[in-house]
Amino acid sequence: MRRVTMKTLYAGPERTVAAGATAEFEDAEAEALVTGGYGVYEGDTRPKPLAEVAEDEDARPSDKWTVDRLKQWATKHGIDLGGATKKADVLAAISAAPVPLQEMTVEELRAYADEQDISLPEDGDQAGLVAAIEAELTARE
């Protein structure tokens, strides 16, 4: 049995635990709650180290992420949050920050090129599209 302090409302088949409340869970369920970002082990309010944040290569922040995960993503990507603490403010700061071309997906690169009125080859890969965009932007300077 492990004690978990919930970050969100837990509504299970046998009981309900309010956000901020602590309850005992079977080990496997406690692990699932903590790993999923729904709670922390009692007394442990530290966010996971950046190295432990599971992140898909193409993962982009969303409102489904916890505030801790959003802050960790922003730190990893060098984004200054300006003291934002609420999820909406953190997401706004992340959205306002420029995304380096090298971190964009092929679809994002194509959308960015369209916004900048840059023609791209039809069959380019991510690295080739980055090079083409950078070359065009440099030529415009």
N, C-alpha and C. Protein backbone atom coordinates (compact mmCIF):
# COMPACT_ATOMS: atom_id res chain seq x y z
N MET A 1 0.85 -1.19 0.00
CA MET A 1 0.00 0.00 0.00
C MET A 1 0.89 1.24 0.00
N ARG A 2 0.50 2.25 -0.79
CA ARG A 2 1.24 3.52 -0.86
C ARG A 2 0.25 4.66 -0.68
N ARG A 3 0.71 5.71 0.00
CA ARG A 3 -0.13 6.90 0.18
C ARG A 3 0.18 7.89 -0.94
N VAL A 4 -0.89 8.35 -1.61
CA VAL A 4 -0.76 9.26 -2.73
C VAL A 4 -1.59 10.51 -2.47
N THR A 5 -0.97 11.67 -2.66
CA THR A 5 -1.70 12.94 -2.59
C THR A 5 -2.13 13.26 -4.01
N MET A 6 -3.43 13.41 -4.21
CA MET A 6 -3.98 13.58 -5.54
C MET A 6 -3.82 15.02 -6.04
N LYS A 7 -3.46 15.17 -7.33
CA LYS A 7 -3.40 16.48 -7.98
C LYS A 7 -4.74 16.80 -8.62
N THR A 8 -5.50 15.75 -8.92
CA THR A 8 -6.82 15.89 -9.53
C THR A 8 -7.82 15.04 -8.76
N LEU A 9 -9.07 15.21 -9.06
CA LEU A 9 -10.11 14.40 -8.43
C LEU A 9 -9.95 12.94 -8.87
N TYR A 10 -9.99 12.02 -7.92
CA TYR A 10 -9.96 10.60 -8.20
C TYR A 10 -11.37 10.07 -7.95
N ALA A 11 -11.95 9.48 -8.99
CA ALA A 11 -13.29 8.90 -8.84
C ALA A 11 -13.19 7.44 -9.25
N GLY A 12 -12.95 6.58 -8.28
CA GLY A 12 -12.82 5.15 -8.53
C GLY A 12 -14.13 4.44 -8.28
N PRO A 13 -14.15 3.13 -8.52
CA PRO A 13 -15.39 2.37 -8.35
C PRO A 13 -15.83 2.27 -6.88
N GLU A 14 -14.89 2.39 -5.94
CA GLU A 14 -15.24 2.20 -4.53
C GLU A 14 -15.16 3.47 -3.70
N ARG A 15 -14.50 4.52 -4.24
CA ARG A 15 -14.35 5.75 -3.46
C ARG A 15 -13.96 6.92 -4.35
N THR A 16 -14.08 8.11 -3.76
CA THR A 16 -13.68 9.34 -4.43
C THR A 16 -12.68 10.04 -3.53
N VAL A 17 -11.60 10.57 -4.14
CA VAL A 17 -10.59 11.30 -3.38
C VAL A 17 -10.44 12.67 -4.04
N ALA A 18 -10.65 13.73 -3.27
CA ALA A 18 -10.58 15.09 -3.81
C ALA A 18 -9.15 15.49 -4.13
N ALA A 19 -8.99 16.41 -5.07
CA ALA A 19 -7.67 16.96 -5.38
C ALA A 19 -7.10 17.57 -4.10
N GLY A 20 -5.84 17.29 -3.81
CA GLY A 20 -5.19 17.79 -2.61
C GLY A 20 -5.29 16.85 -1.43
N ALA A 21 -6.19 15.88 -1.49
CA ALA A 21 -6.35 14.92 -0.39
C ALA A 21 -5.40 13.74 -0.60
N THR A 22 -5.08 13.06 0.49
CA THR A 22 -4.17 11.91 0.46
C THR A 22 -4.94 10.65 0.83
N ALA A 23 -4.67 9.57 0.11
CA ALA A 23 -5.34 8.30 0.39
C ALA A 23 -4.37 7.16 0.10
N GLU A 24 -4.68 5.97 0.65
CA GLU A 24 -3.88 4.78 0.41
C GLU A 24 -4.40 4.05 -0.82
N PHE A 25 -3.45 3.58 -1.64
CA PHE A 25 -3.78 2.82 -2.84
C PHE A 25 -2.89 1.60 -2.89
N GLU A 26 -3.36 0.56 -3.56
CA GLU A 26 -2.51 -0.60 -3.82
C GLU A 26 -1.29 -0.11 -4.60
N ASP A 27 -0.16 -0.79 -4.45
CA ASP A 27 1.09 -0.34 -5.07
C ASP A 27 0.97 -0.07 -6.57
N ALA A 28 0.35 -0.97 -7.30
CA ALA A 28 0.25 -0.83 -8.76
C ALA A 28 -0.60 0.39 -9.13
N GLU A 29 -1.71 0.57 -8.43
CA GLU A 29 -2.57 1.72 -8.72
C GLU A 29 -1.88 3.02 -8.33
N ALA A 30 -1.18 3.03 -7.20
CA ALA A 30 -0.44 4.22 -6.77
C ALA A 30 0.60 4.59 -7.82
N GLU A 31 1.33 3.60 -8.31
CA GLU A 31 2.34 3.85 -9.34
C GLU A 31 1.72 4.42 -10.60
N ALA A 32 0.57 3.88 -11.01
CA ALA A 32 -0.11 4.38 -12.21
C ALA A 32 -0.57 5.83 -12.02
N LEU A 33 -1.07 6.15 -10.84
CA LEU A 33 -1.51 7.52 -10.57
C LEU A 33 -0.35 8.50 -10.60
N VAL A 34 0.76 8.14 -9.98
CA VAL A 34 1.93 9.01 -9.93
C VAL A 34 2.57 9.13 -11.31
N THR A 35 2.75 8.01 -11.98
CA THR A 35 3.36 8.01 -13.31
C THR A 35 2.50 8.81 -14.30
N GLY A 36 1.19 8.72 -14.17
CA GLY A 36 0.29 9.44 -15.06
C GLY A 36 0.17 10.93 -14.75
N GLY A 37 0.78 11.36 -13.64
CA GLY A 37 0.73 12.78 -13.30
C GLY A 37 -0.51 13.19 -12.53
N TYR A 38 -1.29 12.22 -12.05
CA TYR A 38 -2.51 12.52 -11.32
C TYR A 38 -2.29 12.71 -9.83
N GLY A 39 -1.12 12.32 -9.34
CA GLY A 39 -0.83 12.46 -7.92
C GLY A 39 0.66 12.32 -7.66
N VAL A 40 1.03 12.55 -6.41
CA VAL A 40 2.42 12.36 -5.99
C VAL A 40 2.40 11.52 -4.72
N TYR A 41 3.49 10.80 -4.49
CA TYR A 41 3.56 10.05 -3.25
C TYR A 41 3.53 11.04 -2.10
N GLU A 42 2.87 10.67 -1.04
CA GLU A 42 2.71 11.55 0.11
C GLU A 42 4.05 12.14 0.53
N GLY A 43 4.09 13.46 0.66
CA GLY A 43 5.28 14.15 1.10
C GLY A 43 6.26 14.46 -0.02
N ASP A 44 6.04 13.96 -1.23
CA ASP A 44 6.96 14.19 -2.35
C ASP A 44 6.29 15.13 -3.35
N THR A 45 6.61 16.41 -3.26
CA THR A 45 6.02 17.39 -4.17
C THR A 45 7.02 17.85 -5.23
N ARG A 46 8.20 17.24 -5.25
CA ARG A 46 9.22 17.62 -6.23
C ARG A 46 8.83 17.13 -7.62
N PRO A 47 9.04 17.95 -8.65
CA PRO A 47 8.82 17.44 -10.00
C PRO A 47 9.92 16.45 -10.36
N LYS A 48 9.64 15.58 -11.29
CA LYS A 48 10.65 14.62 -11.73
C LYS A 48 11.79 15.36 -12.40
N PRO A 49 13.01 14.84 -12.30
CA PRO A 49 14.13 15.45 -13.03
C PRO A 49 13.85 15.43 -14.52
N LEU A 50 14.42 16.39 -15.26
CA LEU A 50 14.18 16.47 -16.69
C LEU A 50 14.48 15.17 -17.41
N ALA A 51 15.50 14.46 -16.98
CA ALA A 51 15.88 13.22 -17.64
C ALA A 51 14.80 12.16 -17.53
N GLU A 52 13.93 12.28 -16.52
CA GLU A 52 12.90 11.26 -16.33
C GLU A 52 11.58 11.61 -17.00
N VAL A 53 11.49 12.80 -17.59
CA VAL A 53 10.23 13.20 -18.22
C VAL A 53 10.12 12.44 -19.54
N ALA A 54 9.14 11.55 -19.61
CA ALA A 54 8.94 10.79 -20.84
C ALA A 54 8.40 11.74 -21.89
N GLU A 55 9.13 11.84 -23.00
CA GLU A 55 8.70 12.77 -24.03
C GLU A 55 8.90 12.16 -25.40
N ASP A 56 7.88 12.15 -26.14
CA ASP A 56 7.86 11.73 -27.51
C ASP A 56 8.68 12.74 -28.31
N GLU A 57 9.39 12.33 -29.35
CA GLU A 57 10.17 13.27 -30.16
C GLU A 57 9.28 14.37 -30.72
N ASP A 58 8.05 14.04 -31.10
CA ASP A 58 7.15 15.01 -31.71
C ASP A 58 6.17 15.61 -30.70
N ALA A 59 6.34 15.30 -29.41
CA ALA A 59 5.39 15.79 -28.41
C ALA A 59 5.42 17.31 -28.33
N ARG A 60 4.26 17.90 -28.31
CA ARG A 60 4.11 19.33 -28.15
C ARG A 60 3.24 19.56 -26.92
N PRO A 61 3.52 20.60 -26.16
CA PRO A 61 2.73 20.86 -24.96
C PRO A 61 1.24 20.98 -25.27
N SER A 62 0.43 20.50 -24.35
CA SER A 62 -1.02 20.62 -24.50
C SER A 62 -1.64 20.86 -23.13
N ASP A 63 -2.91 21.24 -23.14
CA ASP A 63 -3.60 21.51 -21.88
C ASP A 63 -3.87 20.23 -21.10
N LYS A 64 -3.56 19.07 -21.68
CA LYS A 64 -3.71 17.80 -20.96
C LYS A 64 -2.49 17.52 -20.08
N TRP A 65 -1.39 18.24 -20.30
CA TRP A 65 -0.18 18.06 -19.51
C TRP A 65 -0.34 18.73 -18.15
N THR A 66 0.39 18.23 -17.15
CA THR A 66 0.40 18.87 -15.83
C THR A 66 1.27 20.14 -15.91
N VAL A 67 1.08 21.02 -14.96
CA VAL A 67 1.88 22.25 -14.91
C VAL A 67 3.36 21.89 -14.76
N ASP A 68 3.67 20.89 -13.93
CA ASP A 68 5.07 20.47 -13.76
C ASP A 68 5.67 20.02 -15.09
N ARG A 69 4.94 19.22 -15.84
CA ARG A 69 5.47 18.73 -17.12
C ARG A 69 5.66 19.90 -18.10
N LEU A 70 4.71 20.84 -18.11
CA LEU A 70 4.84 22.01 -18.98
C LEU A 70 6.08 22.82 -18.61
N LYS A 71 6.29 23.03 -17.31
CA LYS A 71 7.47 23.79 -16.86
C LYS A 71 8.76 23.07 -17.23
N GLN A 72 8.78 21.76 -17.07
CA GLN A 72 9.97 20.98 -17.42
C GLN A 72 10.23 21.06 -18.92
N TRP A 73 9.18 20.98 -19.73
CA TRP A 73 9.34 21.07 -21.17
C TRP A 73 9.89 22.45 -21.54
N ALA A 74 9.35 23.49 -20.92
CA ALA A 74 9.82 24.86 -21.20
C ALA A 74 11.29 25.01 -20.83
N THR A 75 11.69 24.49 -19.68
CA THR A 75 13.08 24.56 -19.25
C THR A 75 13.98 23.82 -20.24
N LYS A 76 13.57 22.63 -20.62
CA LYS A 76 14.36 21.82 -21.56
C LYS A 76 14.54 22.54 -22.90
N HIS A 77 13.53 23.33 -23.30
CA HIS A 77 13.57 24.02 -24.59
C HIS A 77 14.00 25.48 -24.47
N GLY A 78 14.49 25.87 -23.27
CA GLY A 78 15.04 27.21 -23.10
C GLY A 78 14.01 28.32 -23.16
N ILE A 79 12.79 28.05 -22.72
CA ILE A 79 11.73 29.05 -22.77
C ILE A 79 11.56 29.68 -21.40
N ASP A 80 11.65 31.01 -21.36
CA ASP A 80 11.46 31.76 -20.13
C ASP A 80 9.97 31.93 -19.89
N LEU A 81 9.49 31.44 -18.77
CA LEU A 81 8.07 31.51 -18.45
C LEU A 81 7.69 32.81 -17.74
N GLY A 82 8.67 33.62 -17.41
CA GLY A 82 8.39 34.91 -16.79
C GLY A 82 7.62 34.81 -15.49
N GLY A 83 7.82 33.76 -14.73
CA GLY A 83 7.15 33.63 -13.44
C GLY A 83 5.74 33.06 -13.53
N ALA A 84 5.31 32.60 -14.69
CA ALA A 84 3.97 32.03 -14.85
C ALA A 84 3.84 30.78 -13.97
N THR A 85 2.72 30.67 -13.27
CA THR A 85 2.48 29.52 -12.41
C THR A 85 1.19 28.77 -12.76
N LYS A 86 0.23 29.44 -13.37
CA LYS A 86 -1.03 28.81 -13.75
C LYS A 86 -0.87 28.15 -15.12
N LYS A 87 -1.55 27.02 -15.31
CA LYS A 87 -1.42 26.26 -16.54
C LYS A 87 -1.67 27.13 -17.77
N ALA A 88 -2.73 27.93 -17.76
CA ALA A 88 -3.05 28.77 -18.92
C ALA A 88 -1.92 29.76 -19.21
N ASP A 89 -1.33 30.33 -18.17
CA ASP A 89 -0.24 31.29 -18.36
C ASP A 89 1.03 30.61 -18.86
N VAL A 90 1.30 29.42 -18.34
CA VAL A 90 2.48 28.66 -18.79
C VAL A 90 2.31 28.29 -20.26
N LEU A 91 1.13 27.80 -20.63
CA LEU A 91 0.87 27.45 -22.04
C LEU A 91 0.98 28.68 -22.94
N ALA A 92 0.49 29.83 -22.47
CA ALA A 92 0.58 31.06 -23.26
C ALA A 92 2.03 31.46 -23.48
N ALA A 93 2.85 31.34 -22.43
CA ALA A 93 4.27 31.70 -22.56
C ALA A 93 4.97 30.75 -23.52
N ILE A 94 4.64 29.48 -23.46
CA ILE A 94 5.24 28.50 -24.37
C ILE A 94 4.80 28.79 -25.81
N SER A 95 3.53 29.08 -26.00
CA SER A 95 3.01 29.36 -27.34
C SER A 95 3.62 30.62 -27.94
N ALA A 96 3.92 31.60 -27.09
CA ALA A 96 4.48 32.86 -27.57
C ALA A 96 5.96 32.75 -27.92
N ALA A 97 6.62 31.74 -27.40
CA ALA A 97 8.06 31.58 -27.65
C ALA A 97 8.30 31.04 -29.06
N PRO A 98 9.33 31.56 -29.72
CA PRO A 98 9.63 31.02 -31.05
C PRO A 98 10.15 29.58 -30.94
N VAL A 99 9.76 28.77 -31.89
CA VAL A 99 10.21 27.37 -31.92
C VAL A 99 11.36 27.27 -32.93
N PRO A 100 12.52 26.78 -32.51
CA PRO A 100 13.62 26.62 -33.46
C PRO A 100 13.20 25.71 -34.62
N LEU A 101 13.61 26.06 -35.81
CA LEU A 101 13.24 25.27 -36.99
C LEU A 101 13.61 23.81 -36.83
N GLN A 102 14.75 23.53 -36.19
CA GLN A 102 15.22 22.15 -36.04
C GLN A 102 14.29 21.30 -35.19
N GLU A 103 13.43 21.93 -34.38
CA GLU A 103 12.51 21.19 -33.52
C GLU A 103 11.13 21.03 -34.14
N MET A 104 10.90 21.65 -35.30
CA MET A 104 9.60 21.56 -35.96
C MET A 104 9.48 20.26 -36.74
N THR A 105 8.26 19.77 -36.82
CA THR A 105 7.97 18.61 -37.65
C THR A 105 7.90 19.07 -39.11
N VAL A 106 7.87 18.12 -40.03
CA VAL A 106 7.75 18.46 -41.46
C VAL A 106 6.49 19.28 -41.70
N GLU A 107 5.38 18.89 -41.07
CA GLU A 107 4.12 19.62 -41.25
C GLU A 107 4.23 21.05 -40.71
N GLU A 108 4.87 21.20 -39.55
CA GLU A 108 5.05 22.54 -38.97
C GLU A 108 5.96 23.40 -39.85
N LEU A 109 7.01 22.79 -40.41
CA LEU A 109 7.92 23.52 -41.30
C LEU A 109 7.18 24.00 -42.55
N ARG A 110 6.33 23.14 -43.10
CA ARG A 110 5.57 23.53 -44.29
C ARG A 110 4.60 24.67 -43.97
N ALA A 111 3.95 24.60 -42.82
CA ALA A 111 3.03 25.67 -42.42
C ALA A 111 3.80 26.98 -42.20
N TYR A 112 4.95 26.90 -41.56
CA TYR A 112 5.78 28.09 -41.33
C TYR A 112 6.22 28.69 -42.66
N ALA A 113 6.65 27.83 -43.60
CA ALA A 113 7.09 28.31 -44.92
C ALA A 113 5.93 29.01 -45.64
N ASP A 114 4.72 28.44 -45.53
CA ASP A 114 3.56 29.09 -46.15
C ASP A 114 3.32 30.48 -45.56
N GLU A 115 3.42 30.58 -44.22
CA GLU A 115 3.24 31.89 -43.56
C GLU A 115 4.27 32.91 -44.01
N GLN A 116 5.49 32.43 -44.28
CA GLN A 116 6.59 33.31 -44.67
C GLN A 116 6.70 33.46 -46.20
N ASP A 117 5.76 32.85 -46.93
CA ASP A 117 5.76 32.88 -48.41
C ASP A 117 7.06 32.32 -48.98
N ILE A 118 7.44 31.15 -48.47
CA ILE A 118 8.65 30.46 -48.92
C ILE A 118 8.22 29.19 -49.63
N SER A 119 8.71 29.00 -50.85
CA SER A 119 8.42 27.78 -51.61
C SER A 119 9.36 26.67 -51.18
N LEU A 120 8.80 25.49 -50.94
CA LEU A 120 9.60 24.33 -50.53
C LEU A 120 9.43 23.21 -51.52
N PRO A 121 10.44 22.33 -51.65
CA PRO A 121 10.28 21.16 -52.51
C PRO A 121 9.19 20.24 -51.96
N GLU A 122 8.51 19.55 -52.84
CA GLU A 122 7.40 18.67 -52.44
C GLU A 122 7.86 17.48 -51.60
N ASP A 123 9.04 16.95 -51.88
CA ASP A 123 9.47 15.70 -51.25
C ASP A 123 10.62 15.86 -50.25
N GLY A 124 10.79 17.04 -49.67
CA GLY A 124 11.90 17.26 -48.75
C GLY A 124 11.69 16.61 -47.40
N ASP A 125 12.80 16.17 -46.78
CA ASP A 125 12.74 15.66 -45.41
C ASP A 125 12.93 16.84 -44.45
N GLN A 126 12.87 16.58 -43.16
CA GLN A 126 12.92 17.64 -42.15
C GLN A 126 14.19 18.46 -42.28
N ALA A 127 15.34 17.80 -42.36
CA ALA A 127 16.62 18.52 -42.45
C ALA A 127 16.71 19.35 -43.73
N GLY A 128 16.23 18.80 -44.83
CA GLY A 128 16.25 19.53 -46.09
C GLY A 128 15.35 20.75 -46.07
N LEU A 129 14.18 20.61 -45.44
CA LEU A 129 13.25 21.74 -45.34
C LEU A 129 13.83 22.84 -44.46
N VAL A 130 14.47 22.46 -43.36
CA VAL A 130 15.12 23.45 -42.48
C VAL A 130 16.17 24.22 -43.27
N ALA A 131 17.00 23.49 -44.03
CA ALA A 131 18.06 24.14 -44.82
C ALA A 131 17.47 25.09 -45.85
N ALA A 132 16.39 24.68 -46.51
CA ALA A 132 15.77 25.53 -47.53
C ALA A 132 15.18 26.80 -46.91
N ILE A 133 14.52 26.66 -45.77
CA ILE A 133 13.94 27.83 -45.09
C ILE A 133 15.04 28.77 -44.62
N GLU A 134 16.07 28.21 -43.98
CA GLU A 134 17.17 29.05 -43.50
C GLU A 134 17.86 29.77 -44.64
N ALA A 135 18.05 29.10 -45.77
CA ALA A 135 18.69 29.73 -46.93
C ALA A 135 17.84 30.89 -47.45
N GLU A 136 16.54 30.69 -47.53
CA GLU A 136 15.65 31.75 -48.01
C GLU A 136 15.62 32.93 -47.05
N LEU A 137 15.55 32.65 -45.75
CA LEU A 137 15.53 33.74 -44.77
C LEU A 137 16.84 34.53 -44.79
N THR A 138 17.96 33.83 -44.96
CA THR A 138 19.27 34.49 -45.04
C THR A 138 19.33 35.36 -46.30
N ALA A 139 18.81 34.86 -47.41
CA ALA A 139 18.83 35.62 -48.66
C ALA A 139 17.98 36.89 -48.57
N ARG A 140 16.96 36.87 -47.74
CA ARG A 140 16.08 38.03 -47.58
C ARG A 140 16.70 39.13 -46.73
N GLU A 141 17.73 38.78 -45.93
CA GLU A 141 18.33 39.77 -45.02
C GLU A 141 19.15 40.79 -45.73
